[in-house]
Protein backbone atom coordinates (compact mmCIF):
# COMPACT_ATOMS: atom_id res chain seq x y z
CA MET A 1 0.02 0.00 -0.01
CA PRO A 2 1.58 3.35 -1.06
CA VAL A 3 2.16 6.11 1.45
CA ALA A 4 -0.21 9.12 1.01
CA GLY A 5 1.53 12.04 -0.61
CA ALA A 6 4.61 10.04 -1.62
CA GLY A 7 6.57 11.84 -4.30
CA LEU A 8 4.64 15.13 -4.06
CA ILE A 9 7.40 16.96 -2.16
CA ARG A 10 10.71 17.22 -3.94
CA PHE A 11 13.86 18.78 -2.54
CA PHE A 12 16.38 20.05 -5.01
CA GLU A 13 19.92 19.69 -3.71
CA GLU A 14 21.61 20.70 -6.95
CA GLU A 15 23.61 23.90 -6.56
CA THR A 16 22.96 26.57 -9.15
CA ALA A 17 25.49 29.12 -10.45
CA GLY A 18 25.38 32.68 -9.23
CA PRO A 19 25.97 34.71 -6.08
CA LYS A 20 24.57 33.39 -2.80
CA ILE A 21 22.88 36.12 -0.77
CA GLY A 22 21.55 35.43 2.69
CA PRO A 23 18.16 36.69 3.89
CA GLY A 24 19.74 39.09 6.41
CA ILE A 25 21.60 40.95 3.65
CA VAL A 26 18.40 41.27 1.65
CA VAL A 27 16.48 42.71 4.63
CA ILE A 28 19.33 45.15 5.48
CA THR A 29 19.57 46.27 1.89
CA CYS A 30 15.77 46.88 1.66
CA VAL A 31 15.76 48.90 4.85
CA ALA A 32 18.72 50.98 3.72
CA LEU A 33 17.04 51.62 0.39
CA ILE A 34 13.84 52.74 2.10
CA ILE A 35 15.84 55.10 4.34
CA VAL A 36 17.72 56.55 1.34
CA ILE A 37 14.46 57.14 -0.56
CA ILE A 38 12.77 58.87 2.42
CA ALA A 39 15.83 61.00 3.04
CA SER A 40 16.05 62.02 -0.60
CA LEU A 41 12.35 62.97 -0.66
CA TYR A 42 12.80 65.00 2.58
CA LEU A 43 15.89 66.78 1.28
CA ASN A 44 14.21 67.49 -2.04
CA ALA A 45 11.28 69.02 -0.21
CA LEU A 46 13.66 71.19 1.85
CA GLN A 47 15.40 72.42 -1.33
CA SER A 48 12.15 73.29 -3.10
CA GLY A 49 10.85 75.19 -0.07
CA ALA A 50 7.85 72.95 0.50
CA ASN A 51 6.08 73.05 3.86
CA ILE A 52 7.18 69.93 5.75
CA PRO A 53 4.90 69.03 8.68
CA LYS A 54 6.65 68.65 12.06
CA LEU A 55 6.47 65.30 13.82
CA PRO A 56 4.42 65.29 17.00
CA THR A 57 6.36 65.29 20.28
CA PHE A 58 5.20 63.21 23.22
């Protein structure tokens, strides 16, 4: 009698060519990119003289 689900899950152990990037590097890069984009938008607004709302203080 065959086992239910046999052969449905396959694990590929073959290595592919290309750079190996860990998940931590991806997260750090994304956060850094978000910070750079927000900073550039803020600095662009300062240069153009736009009214930038102040953050609330607690």
